[in-house]
Amino acid sequence: MSCEENKLTSLDVSKNTVLTDLDCNSNQLTSLDVSQNTALTSLCCHENQLTSLDVSQNTALTILGCSDNQLTNLDLSKNTALTSLICRNNKFDCDALISKYGLEYKYGLE
């Protein structure tokens, strides 16, 4: 599902339980609840105003893009399928996180 560049301030995907790809880049989201979207393999939420992002229920994620938000941390301890992370321009050390989990280094918006 793609809903890029729409100036959205909220997005409810809680009933989309079979959703595998969510691309909500370039909106004005301050929160994003993907806890019910356990089938997600790709989540891209770049360029929003997110202050937190809980992906602990999204264990199928292989790609996560969350650059250019206001995130202070990101717990990926349960995301063992994750291979690619794009997380620059947040309030935590993206390079350290990528190194900690042995992820592929990504800079582009995917």
PDB file of N, CA and C in Angstrom:
ATOM      1  N   MET A   1       0.852  -1.169   0.000  1.00  0.00           N
ATOM      2  CA  MET A   1       0.000   0.000   0.000  1.00  0.00           C
ATOM      3  C   MET A   1       0.897   1.231   0.000  1.00  0.00           C
ATOM      4  N   SER A   2       0.598   2.131  -0.876  1.00  0.00           N
ATOM      5  CA  SER A   2       1.372   3.357  -0.952  1.00  0.00           C
ATOM      6  C   SER A   2       0.456   4.555  -0.733  1.00  0.00           C
ATOM      7  N   CYS A   3       0.865   5.423   0.168  1.00  0.00           N
ATOM      8  CA  CYS A   3       0.118   6.664   0.417  1.00  0.00           C
ATOM      9  C   CYS A   3       1.108   7.802   0.647  1.00  0.00           C
ATOM     10  N   GLU A   4       2.094   7.853  -0.200  1.00  0.00           N
ATOM     11  CA  GLU A   4       3.141   8.868  -0.109  1.00  0.00           C
ATOM     12  C   GLU A   4       2.626  10.261  -0.449  1.00  0.00           C
ATOM     13  N   GLU A   5       3.271  11.251   0.157  1.00  0.00           N
ATOM     14  CA  GLU A   5       3.100  12.662  -0.195  1.00  0.00           C
ATOM     15  C   GLU A   5       1.646  13.119  -0.201  1.00  0.00           C
ATOM     16  N   ASN A   6       0.946  12.840   0.883  1.00  0.00           N
ATOM     17  CA  ASN A   6      -0.458  13.230   0.974  1.00  0.00           C
ATOM     18  C   ASN A   6      -0.753  14.159   2.139  1.00  0.00           C
ATOM     19  N   LYS A   7       0.248  14.566   2.879  1.00  0.00           N
ATOM     20  CA  LYS A   7       0.066  15.427   4.053  1.00  0.00           C
ATOM     21  C   LYS A   7      -0.829  14.787   5.105  1.00  0.00           C
ATOM     22  N   LEU A   8      -0.798  13.455   5.168  1.00  0.00           N
ATOM     23  CA  LEU A   8      -1.592  12.739   6.165  1.00  0.00           C
ATOM     24  C   LEU A   8      -1.072  13.034   7.568  1.00  0.00           C
ATOM     25  N   THR A   9      -1.979  13.264   8.489  1.00  0.00           N
ATOM     26  CA  THR A   9      -1.595  13.450   9.894  1.00  0.00           C
ATOM     27  C   THR A   9      -1.917  12.210  10.708  1.00  0.00           C
ATOM     28  N   SER A  10      -2.712  11.305  10.153  1.00  0.00           N
ATOM     29  CA  SER A  10      -3.000  10.029  10.812  1.00  0.00           C
ATOM     30  C   SER A  10      -3.214   8.961   9.754  1.00  0.00           C
ATOM     31  N   LEU A  11      -2.970   7.729  10.147  1.00  0.00           N
ATOM     32  CA  LEU A  11      -3.113   6.599   9.244  1.00  0.00           C
ATOM     33  C   LEU A  11      -3.450   5.372  10.075  1.00  0.00           C
ATOM     34  N   ASP A  12      -4.615   4.795   9.830  1.00  0.00           N
ATOM     35  CA  ASP A  12      -5.051   3.616  10.567  1.00  0.00           C
ATOM     36  C   ASP A  12      -4.997   2.408   9.641  1.00  0.00           C
ATOM     37  N   VAL A  13      -4.021   1.548   9.878  1.00  0.00           N
ATOM     38  CA  VAL A  13      -3.880   0.326   9.086  1.00  0.00           C
ATOM     39  C   VAL A  13      -4.151  -0.908   9.944  1.00  0.00           C
ATOM     40  N   SER A  14      -4.747  -0.719  11.100  1.00  0.00           N
ATOM     41  CA  SER A  14      -4.930  -1.804  12.070  1.00  0.00           C
ATOM     42  C   SER A  14      -5.795  -2.954  11.552  1.00  0.00           C
ATOM     43  N   LYS A  15      -6.679  -2.680  10.636  1.00  0.00           N
ATOM     44  CA  LYS A  15      -7.550  -3.741  10.108  1.00  0.00           C
ATOM     45  C   LYS A  15      -6.963  -4.405   8.859  1.00  0.00           C
ATOM     46  N   ASN A  16      -5.846  -3.906   8.379  1.00  0.00           N
ATOM     47  CA  ASN A  16      -5.178  -4.467   7.199  1.00  0.00           C
ATOM     48  C   ASN A  16      -4.162  -5.519   7.643  1.00  0.00           C
ATOM     49  N   THR A  17      -4.643  -6.588   8.220  1.00  0.00           N
ATOM     50  CA  THR A  17      -3.757  -7.568   8.859  1.00  0.00           C
ATOM     51  C   THR A  17      -2.937  -8.398   7.878  1.00  0.00           C
ATOM     52  N   VAL A  18      -3.288  -8.418   6.595  1.00  0.00           N
ATOM     53  CA  VAL A  18      -2.498  -9.152   5.611  1.00  0.00           C
ATOM     54  C   VAL A  18      -1.588  -8.228   4.793  1.00  0.00           C
ATOM     55  N   LEU A  19      -1.514  -6.981   5.175  1.00  0.00           N
ATOM     56  CA  LEU A  19      -0.667  -6.004   4.503  1.00  0.00           C
ATOM     57  C   LEU A  19       0.794  -6.434   4.569  1.00  0.00           C
ATOM     58  N   THR A  20       1.463  -6.482   3.418  1.00  0.00           N
ATOM     59  CA  THR A  20       2.872  -6.883   3.405  1.00  0.00           C
ATOM     60  C   THR A  20       3.813  -5.711   3.152  1.00  0.00           C
ATOM     61  N   ASP A  21       3.345  -4.687   2.451  1.00  0.00           N
ATOM     62  CA  ASP A  21       4.181  -3.527   2.138  1.00  0.00           C
ATOM     63  C   ASP A  21       3.416  -2.252   2.471  1.00  0.00           C
ATOM     64  N   LEU A  22       4.067  -1.382   3.229  1.00  0.00           N
ATOM     65  CA  LEU A  22       3.469  -0.092   3.555  1.00  0.00           C
ATOM     66  C   LEU A  22       4.488   0.999   3.278  1.00  0.00           C
ATOM     67  N   ASP A  23       4.098   1.913   2.422  1.00  0.00           N
ATOM     68  CA  ASP A  23       4.947   3.032   2.048  1.00  0.00           C
ATOM     69  C   ASP A  23       4.161   4.313   2.331  1.00  0.00           C
ATOM     70  N   CYS A  24       4.483   4.968   3.429  1.00  0.00           N
ATOM     71  CA  CYS A  24       3.773   6.194   3.823  1.00  0.00           C
ATOM     72  C   CYS A  24       4.752   7.349   3.995  1.00  0.00           C
ATOM     73  N   ASN A  25       5.736   7.401   3.122  1.00  0.00           N
ATOM     74  CA  ASN A  25       6.747   8.458   3.137  1.00  0.00           C
ATOM     75  C   ASN A  25       6.136   9.834   2.905  1.00  0.00           C
ATOM     76  N   SER A  26       6.821  10.836   3.409  1.00  0.00           N
ATOM     77  CA  SER A  26       6.534  12.240   3.093  1.00  0.00           C
ATOM     78  C   SER A  26       5.110  12.658   3.428  1.00  0.00           C
ATOM     79  N   ASN A  27       4.724  12.381   4.647  1.00  0.00           N
ATOM     80  CA  ASN A  27       3.448  12.848   5.171  1.00  0.00           C
ATOM     81  C   ASN A  27       3.738  13.659   6.429  1.00  0.00           C
ATOM     82  N   GLN A  28       2.774  13.796   7.291  1.00  0.00           N
ATOM     83  CA  GLN A  28       2.955  14.540   8.536  1.00  0.00           C
ATOM     84  C   GLN A  28       2.540  13.678   9.727  1.00  0.00           C
ATOM     85  N   LEU A  29       2.849  12.393   9.649  1.00  0.00           N
ATOM     86  CA  LEU A  29       2.466  11.461  10.701  1.00  0.00           C
ATOM     87  C   LEU A  29       3.307  11.676  11.953  1.00  0.00           C
ATOM     88  N   THR A  30       2.653  11.742  13.092  1.00  0.00           N
ATOM     89  CA  THR A  30       3.362  11.840  14.368  1.00  0.00           C
ATOM     90  C   THR A  30       3.375  10.500  15.085  1.00  0.00           C
ATOM     91  N   SER A  31       2.521   9.588  14.644  1.00  0.00           N
ATOM     92  CA  SER A  31       2.514   8.235  15.189  1.00  0.00           C
ATOM     93  C   SER A  31       2.090   7.268  14.093  1.00  0.00           C
ATOM     94  N   LEU A  32       2.505   6.022  14.259  1.00  0.00           N
ATOM     95  CA  LEU A  32       2.171   4.979  13.303  1.00  0.00           C
ATOM     96  C   LEU A  32       2.115   3.659  14.052  1.00  0.00           C
ATOM     97  N   ASP A  33       0.928   3.078  14.128  1.00  0.00           N
ATOM     98  CA  ASP A  33       0.739   1.821  14.836  1.00  0.00           C
ATOM     99  C   ASP A  33       0.654   0.689  13.822  1.00  0.00           C
ATOM    100  N   VAL A  34       1.688  -0.127  13.782  1.00  0.00           N
ATOM    101  CA  VAL A  34       1.718  -1.273  12.870  1.00  0.00           C
ATOM    102  C   VAL A  34       1.708  -2.590  13.639  1.00  0.00           C
ATOM    103  N   SER A  35       1.291  -2.541  14.882  1.00  0.00           N
ATOM    104  CA  SER A  35       1.316  -3.729  15.737  1.00  0.00           C
ATOM    105  C   SER A  35       0.402  -4.853  15.250  1.00  0.00           C
ATOM    106  N   GLN A  36      -0.649  -4.524  14.517  1.00  0.00           N
ATOM    107  CA  GLN A  36      -1.564  -5.543  13.990  1.00  0.00           C
ATOM    108  C   GLN A  36      -1.151  -6.049  12.613  1.00  0.00           C
ATOM    109  N   ASN A  37      -0.125  -5.446  12.045  1.00  0.00           N
ATOM    110  CA  ASN A  37       0.307  -5.773  10.688  1.00  0.00           C
ATOM    111  C   ASN A  37       1.494  -6.729  10.712  1.00  0.00           C
ATOM    112  N   THR A  38       1.264  -7.912  11.242  1.00  0.00           N
ATOM    113  CA  THR A  38       2.342  -8.874  11.456  1.00  0.00           C
ATOM    114  C   THR A  38       2.878  -9.485  10.158  1.00  0.00           C
ATOM    115  N   ALA A  39       2.185  -9.297   9.039  1.00  0.00           N
ATOM    116  CA  ALA A  39       2.657  -9.820   7.754  1.00  0.00           C
ATOM    117  C   ALA A  39       3.580  -8.845   7.024  1.00  0.00           C
ATOM    118  N   LEU A  40       3.781  -7.652   7.569  1.00  0.00           N
ATOM    119  CA  LEU A  40       4.624  -6.658   6.901  1.00  0.00           C
ATOM    120  C   LEU A  40       6.025  -7.196   6.652  1.00  0.00           C
ATOM    121  N   THR A  41       6.478  -7.089   5.414  1.00  0.00           N
ATOM    122  CA  THR A  41       7.859  -7.416   5.094  1.00  0.00           C
ATOM    123  C   THR A  41       8.653  -6.159   4.755  1.00  0.00           C
ATOM    124  N   SER A  42       7.939  -5.100   4.374  1.00  0.00           N
ATOM    125  CA  SER A  42       8.588  -3.833   4.029  1.00  0.00           C
ATOM    126  C   SER A  42       7.781  -2.673   4.599  1.00  0.00           C
ATOM    127  N   LEU A  43       8.457  -1.827   5.361  1.00  0.00           N
ATOM    128  CA  LEU A  43       7.826  -0.635   5.928  1.00  0.00           C
ATOM    129  C   LEU A  43       8.723   0.557   5.656  1.00  0.00           C
ATOM    130  N   CYS A  44       8.195   1.522   4.924  1.00  0.00           N
ATOM    131  CA  CYS A  44       8.927   2.748   4.639  1.00  0.00           C
ATOM    132  C   CYS A  44       8.089   3.926   5.113  1.00  0.00           C
ATOM    133  N   CYS A  45       8.608   4.635   6.092  1.00  0.00           N
ATOM    134  CA  CYS A  45       7.883   5.771   6.680  1.00  0.00           C
ATOM    135  C   CYS A  45       8.805   6.975   6.813  1.00  0.00           C
ATOM    136  N   HIS A  46       9.645   7.171   5.825  1.00  0.00           N
ATOM    137  CA  HIS A  46      10.581   8.293   5.779  1.00  0.00           C
ATOM    138  C   HIS A  46       9.835   9.624   5.792  1.00  0.00           C
ATOM    139  N   GLU A  47      10.516  10.644   6.259  1.00  0.00           N
ATOM    140  CA  GLU A  47      10.059  12.032   6.150  1.00  0.00           C
ATOM    141  C   GLU A  47       8.663  12.256   6.727  1.00  0.00           C
ATOM    142  N   ASN A  48       8.515  11.873   7.977  1.00  0.00           N
ATOM    143  CA  ASN A  48       7.320  12.163   8.748  1.00  0.00           C
ATOM    144  C   ASN A  48       7.771  12.876  10.017  1.00  0.00           C
ATOM    145  N   GLN A  49       6.964  12.851  11.041  1.00  0.00           N
ATOM    146  CA  GLN A  49       7.313  13.476  12.315  1.00  0.00           C
ATOM    147  C   GLN A  49       7.192  12.470  13.443  1.00  0.00           C
ATOM    148  N   LEU A  50       7.530  11.217  13.151  1.00  0.00           N
ATOM    149  CA  LEU A  50       7.411  10.147  14.135  1.00  0.00           C
ATOM    150  C   LEU A  50       8.403  10.335  15.274  1.00  0.00           C
ATOM    151  N   THR A  51       7.918  10.197  16.494  1.00  0.00           N
ATOM    152  CA  THR A  51       8.790  10.288  17.662  1.00  0.00           C
ATOM    153  C   THR A  51       9.070   8.903  18.243  1.00  0.00           C
ATOM    154  N   SER A  52       8.281   7.916  17.844  1.00  0.00           N
ATOM    155  CA  SER A  52       8.528   6.537  18.257  1.00  0.00           C
ATOM    156  C   SER A  52       7.989   5.611  17.172  1.00  0.00           C
ATOM    157  N   LEU A  53       8.549   4.425  17.122  1.00  0.00           N
ATOM    158  CA  LEU A  53       8.125   3.420  16.155  1.00  0.00           C
ATOM    159  C   LEU A  53       8.362   2.050  16.779  1.00  0.00           C
ATOM    160  N   ASP A  54       7.276   1.325  17.015  1.00  0.00           N
ATOM    161  CA  ASP A  54       7.363  -0.003  17.613  1.00  0.00           C
ATOM    162  C   ASP A  54       7.135  -1.043  16.526  1.00  0.00           C
ATOM    163  N   VAL A  55       8.198  -1.763  16.182  1.00  0.00           N
ATOM    164  CA  VAL A  55       8.103  -2.811  15.167  1.00  0.00           C
ATOM    165  C   VAL A  55       8.327  -4.198  15.780  1.00  0.00           C
ATOM    166  N   SER A  56       8.135  -4.291  17.083  1.00  0.00           N
ATOM    167  CA  SER A  56       8.388  -5.555  17.781  1.00  0.00           C
ATOM    168  C   SER A  56       7.444  -6.682  17.351  1.00  0.00           C
ATOM    169  N   GLN A  57       6.261  -6.347  16.863  1.00  0.00           N
ATOM    170  CA  GLN A  57       5.313  -7.368  16.389  1.00  0.00           C
ATOM    171  C   GLN A  57       5.506  -7.706  14.915  1.00  0.00           C
ATOM    172  N   ASN A  58       6.379  -6.968  14.252  1.00  0.00           N
ATOM    173  CA  ASN A  58       6.580  -7.119  12.810  1.00  0.00           C
ATOM    174  C   ASN A  58       7.820  -7.965  12.518  1.00  0.00           C
ATOM    175  N   THR A  59       7.782  -9.194  12.958  1.00  0.00           N
ATOM    176  CA  THR A  59       8.953 -10.074  12.867  1.00  0.00           C
ATOM    177  C   THR A  59       9.255 -10.532  11.445  1.00  0.00           C
ATOM    178  N   ALA A  60       8.346 -10.317  10.496  1.00  0.00           N
ATOM    179  CA  ALA A  60       8.586 -10.685   9.100  1.00  0.00           C
ATOM    180  C   ALA A  60       9.287  -9.574   8.319  1.00  0.00           C
ATOM    181  N   LEU A  61       9.478  -8.408   8.927  1.00  0.00           N
ATOM    182  CA  LEU A  61      10.121  -7.290   8.231  1.00  0.00           C
ATOM    183  C   LEU A  61      11.502  -7.666   7.708  1.00  0.00           C
ATOM    184  N   THR A  62      11.730  -7.380   6.435  1.00  0.00           N
ATOM    185  CA  THR A  62      13.068  -7.530   5.872  1.00  0.00           C
ATOM    186  C   THR A  62      13.662  -6.165   5.534  1.00  0.00           C
ATOM    187  N   ILE A  63      12.793  -5.186   5.263  1.00  0.00           N
ATOM    188  CA  ILE A  63      13.232  -3.828   4.937  1.00  0.00           C
ATOM    189  C   ILE A  63      12.491  -2.842   5.827  1.00  0.00           C
ATOM    190  N   LEU A  64      13.257  -1.962   6.456  1.00  0.00           N
ATOM    191  CA  LEU A  64      12.667  -0.896   7.269  1.00  0.00           C
ATOM    192  C   LEU A  64      13.337   0.416   6.912  1.00  0.00           C
ATOM    193  N   GLY A  65      12.530   1.369   6.495  1.00  0.00           N
ATOM    194  CA  GLY A  65      13.029   2.699   6.182  1.00  0.00           C
ATOM    195  C   GLY A  65      12.302   3.729   7.033  1.00  0.00           C
ATOM    196  N   CYS A  66      13.060   4.424   7.868  1.00  0.00           N
ATOM    197  CA  CYS A  66      12.433   5.401   8.779  1.00  0.00           C
ATOM    198  C   CYS A  66      13.274   6.670   8.896  1.00  0.00           C
ATOM    199  N   SER A  67      13.983   7.021   7.857  1.00  0.00           N
ATOM    200  CA  SER A  67      14.833   8.213   7.874  1.00  0.00           C
ATOM    201  C   SER A  67      14.011   9.486   8.010  1.00  0.00           C
ATOM    202  N   ASP A  68      14.678  10.516   8.509  1.00  0.00           N
ATOM    203  CA  ASP A  68      14.105  11.864   8.559  1.00  0.00           C
ATOM    204  C   ASP A  68      12.824  11.936   9.386  1.00  0.00           C
ATOM    205  N   ASN A  69      12.917  11.405  10.601  1.00  0.00           N
ATOM    206  CA  ASN A  69      11.848  11.509  11.590  1.00  0.00           C
ATOM    207  C   ASN A  69      12.456  12.082  12.867  1.00  0.00           C
ATOM    208  N   GLN A  70      11.780  11.937  13.966  1.00  0.00           N
ATOM    209  CA  GLN A  70      12.256  12.428  15.261  1.00  0.00           C
ATOM    210  C   GLN A  70      12.469  11.269  16.234  1.00  0.00           C
ATOM    211  N   LEU A  71      12.787  10.100  15.711  1.00  0.00           N
ATOM    212  CA  LEU A  71      12.947   8.912  16.544  1.00  0.00           C
ATOM    213  C   LEU A  71      14.167   9.038  17.446  1.00  0.00           C
ATOM    214  N   THR A  72      13.998   8.672  18.707  1.00  0.00           N
ATOM    215  CA  THR A  72      15.113   8.726  19.655  1.00  0.00           C
ATOM    216  C   THR A  72      15.772   7.367  19.846  1.00  0.00           C
ATOM    217  N   ASN A  73      15.062   6.305  19.524  1.00  0.00           N
ATOM    218  CA  ASN A  73      15.637   4.965  19.555  1.00  0.00           C
ATOM    219  C   ASN A  73      14.794   4.041  18.692  1.00  0.00           C
ATOM    220  N   LEU A  74      15.306   2.860  18.446  1.00  0.00           N
ATOM    221  CA  LEU A  74      14.622   1.880  17.630  1.00  0.00           C
ATOM    222  C   LEU A  74      15.070   0.505  18.110  1.00  0.00           C
ATOM    223  N   ASP A  75      14.126  -0.272  18.638  1.00  0.00           N
ATOM    224  CA  ASP A  75      14.432  -1.606  19.141  1.00  0.00           C
ATOM    225  C   ASP A  75      14.142  -2.621  18.044  1.00  0.00           C
ATOM    226  N   LEU A  76      15.177  -3.257  17.561  1.00  0.00           N
ATOM    227  CA  LEU A  76      15.048  -4.246  16.495  1.00  0.00           C
ATOM    228  C   LEU A  76      15.349  -5.654  16.983  1.00  0.00           C
ATOM    229  N   SER A  77      15.353  -5.853  18.274  1.00  0.00           N
ATOM    230  CA  SER A  77      15.759  -7.136  18.846  1.00  0.00           C
ATOM    231  C   SER A  77      14.875  -8.305  18.418  1.00  0.00           C
ATOM    232  N   LYS A  78      13.638  -8.063  18.046  1.00  0.00           N
ATOM    233  CA  LYS A  78      12.738  -9.142  17.623  1.00  0.00           C
ATOM    234  C   LYS A  78      12.614  -9.250  16.111  1.00  0.00           C
ATOM    235  N   ASN A  79      13.321  -8.396  15.385  1.00  0.00           N
ATOM    236  CA  ASN A  79      13.215  -8.361  13.928  1.00  0.00           C
ATOM    237  C   ASN A  79      14.368  -9.136  13.291  1.00  0.00           C
ATOM    238  N   THR A  80      14.386 -10.439  13.524  1.00  0.00           N
ATOM    239  CA  THR A  80      15.504 -11.273  13.071  1.00  0.00           C
ATOM    240  C   THR A  80      15.535 -11.472  11.559  1.00  0.00           C
ATOM    241  N   ALA A  81      14.438 -11.212  10.857  1.00  0.00           N
ATOM    242  CA  ALA A  81      14.407 -11.342   9.397  1.00  0.00           C
ATOM    243  C   ALA A  81      14.912 -10.078   8.701  1.00  0.00           C
ATOM    244  N   LEU A  82      15.089  -9.000   9.447  1.00  0.00           N
ATOM    245  CA  LEU A  82      15.486  -7.712   8.877  1.00  0.00           C
ATOM    246  C   LEU A  82      16.871  -7.795   8.246  1.00  0.00           C
ATOM    247  N   THR A  83      16.968  -7.327   7.002  1.00  0.00           N
ATOM    248  CA  THR A  83      18.264  -7.315   6.315  1.00  0.00           C
ATOM    249  C   THR A  83      18.697  -5.913   5.925  1.00  0.00           C
ATOM    250  N   SER A  84      17.734  -4.996   5.708  1.00  0.00           N
ATOM    251  CA  SER A  84      18.066  -3.644   5.259  1.00  0.00           C
ATOM    252  C   SER A  84      17.391  -2.607   6.134  1.00  0.00           C
ATOM    253  N   LEU A  85      18.184  -1.605   6.516  1.00  0.00           N
ATOM    254  CA  LEU A  85      17.690  -0.538   7.373  1.00  0.00           C
ATOM    255  C   LEU A  85      18.141   0.803   6.834  1.00  0.00           C
ATOM    256  N   ILE A  86      17.191   1.710   6.677  1.00  0.00           N
ATOM    257  CA  ILE A  86      17.480   3.082   6.264  1.00  0.00           C
ATOM    258  C   ILE A  86      16.962   3.956   7.400  1.00  0.00           C
ATOM    259  N   CYS A  87      17.864   4.572   8.169  1.00  0.00           N
ATOM    260  CA  CYS A  87      17.414   5.262   9.382  1.00  0.00           C
ATOM    261  C   CYS A  87      18.115   6.592   9.644  1.00  0.00           C
ATOM    262  N   ARG A  88      18.729   7.170   8.648  1.00  0.00           N
ATOM    263  CA  ARG A  88      19.494   8.400   8.872  1.00  0.00           C
ATOM    264  C   ARG A  88      18.591   9.560   9.309  1.00  0.00           C
ATOM    265  N   ASN A  89      19.199  10.569   9.870  1.00  0.00           N
ATOM    266  CA  ASN A  89      18.520  11.804  10.276  1.00  0.00           C
ATOM    267  C   ASN A  89      17.400  11.580  11.295  1.00  0.00           C
ATOM    268  N   ASN A  90      17.740  10.863  12.339  1.00  0.00           N
ATOM    269  CA  ASN A  90      16.890  10.718  13.511  1.00  0.00           C
ATOM    270  C   ASN A  90      17.716  11.149  14.714  1.00  0.00           C
ATOM    271  N   LYS A  91      17.219  10.909  15.909  1.00  0.00           N
ATOM    272  CA  LYS A  91      17.933  11.332  17.118  1.00  0.00           C
ATOM    273  C   LYS A  91      18.653  10.179  17.792  1.00  0.00           C
ATOM    274  N   PHE A  92      19.090   9.199  17.006  1.00  0.00           N
ATOM    275  CA  PHE A  92      19.903   8.096  17.505  1.00  0.00           C
ATOM    276  C   PHE A  92      20.982   7.804  16.470  1.00  0.00           C
ATOM    277  N   ASP A  93      21.948   7.006  16.858  1.00  0.00           N
ATOM    278  CA  ASP A  93      23.071   6.692  15.990  1.00  0.00           C
ATOM    279  C   ASP A  93      22.689   5.541  15.057  1.00  0.00           C
ATOM    280  N   CYS A  94      22.322   5.890  13.851  1.00  0.00           N
ATOM    281  CA  CYS A  94      21.893   4.904  12.861  1.00  0.00           C
ATOM    282  C   CYS A  94      23.020   3.923  12.528  1.00  0.00           C
ATOM    283  N   ASP A  95      24.226   4.424  12.358  1.00  0.00           N
ATOM    284  CA  ASP A  95      25.361   3.564  12.027  1.00  0.00           C
ATOM    285  C   ASP A  95      25.590   2.508  13.103  1.00  0.00           C
ATOM    286  N   ALA A  96      25.474   2.907  14.360  1.00  0.00           N
ATOM    287  CA  ALA A  96      25.667   1.962  15.461  1.00  0.00           C
ATOM    288  C   ALA A  96      24.592   0.887  15.455  1.00  0.00           C
ATOM    289  N   LEU A  97      23.374   1.272  15.151  1.00  0.00           N
ATOM    290  CA  LEU A  97      22.271   0.313  15.115  1.00  0.00           C
ATOM    291  C   LEU A  97      22.464  -0.690  13.984  1.00  0.00           C
ATOM    292  N   ILE A  98      22.842  -0.210  12.827  1.00  0.00           N
ATOM    293  CA  ILE A  98      23.098  -1.085  11.683  1.00  0.00           C
ATOM    294  C   ILE A  98      24.215  -2.069  12.013  1.00  0.00           C
ATOM    295  N   SER A  99      25.253  -1.576  12.634  1.00  0.00           N
ATOM    296  CA  SER A  99      26.373  -2.425  13.020  1.00  0.00           C
ATOM    297  C   SER A  99      25.961  -3.445  14.087  1.00  0.00           C
ATOM    298  N   LYS A 100      25.199  -3.000  15.070  1.00  0.00           N
ATOM    299  CA  LYS A 100      24.773  -3.876  16.178  1.00  0.00           C
ATOM    300  C   LYS A 100      24.018  -5.097  15.668  1.00  0.00           C
ATOM    301  N   TYR A 101      23.151  -4.900  14.685  1.00  0.00           N
ATOM    302  CA  TYR A 101      22.329  -5.997  14.183  1.00  0.00           C
ATOM    303  C   TYR A 101      22.871  -6.617  12.893  1.00  0.00           C
ATOM    304  N   GLY A 102      24.024  -6.147  12.418  1.00  0.00           N
ATOM    305  CA  GLY A 102      24.645  -6.714  11.226  1.00  0.00           C
ATOM    306  C   GLY A 102      23.798  -6.547   9.970  1.00  0.00           C
ATOM    307  N   LEU A 103      23.200  -5.385   9.830  1.00  0.00           N
ATOM    308  CA  LEU A 103      22.294  -5.134   8.714  1.00  0.00           C
ATOM    309  C   LEU A 103      23.016  -4.522   7.529  1.00  0.00           C
ATOM    310  N   GLU A 104      22.381  -4.618   6.380  1.00  0.00           N
ATOM    311  CA  GLU A 104      22.887  -3.979   5.182  1.00  0.00           C
ATOM    312  C   GLU A 104      22.716  -2.476   5.309  1.00  0.00           C
ATOM    313  N   TYR A 105      23.752  -1.761   4.929  1.00  0.00           N
ATOM    314  CA  TYR A 105      23.751  -0.308   5.041  1.00  0.00           C
ATOM    315  C   TYR A 105      23.014   0.293   3.860  1.00  0.00           C
ATOM    316  N   LYS A 106      21.973   1.062   4.127  1.00  0.00           N
ATOM    317  CA  LYS A 106      21.201   1.662   3.048  1.00  0.00           C
ATOM    318  C   LYS A 106      21.093   3.164   3.268  1.00  0.00           C
ATOM    319  N   TYR A 107      21.260   3.915   2.212  1.00  0.00           N
ATOM    320  CA  TYR A 107      21.085   5.366   2.285  1.00  0.00           C
ATOM    321  C   TYR A 107      19.890   5.854   1.490  1.00  0.00           C
ATOM    322  N   GLY A 108      19.530   5.153   0.418  1.00  0.00           N
ATOM    323  CA  GLY A 108      18.460   5.616  -0.458  1.00  0.00           C
ATOM    324  C   GLY A 108      17.079   5.426   0.131  1.00  0.00           C
ATOM    325  N   LEU A 109      16.134   6.183  -0.388  1.00  0.00           N
ATOM    326  CA  LEU A 109      14.736   6.014  -0.001  1.00  0.00           C
ATOM    327  C   LEU A 109      14.157   4.919  -0.863  1.00  0.00           C
ATOM    328  N   GLU A 110      13.715   3.852  -0.224  1.00  0.00           N
ATOM    329  CA  GLU A 110      13.250   2.694  -0.992  1.00  0.00           C
ATOM    330  C   GLU A 110      11.760   2.559  -0.889  1.00  0.00           C
TER     331      GLU A 110
END
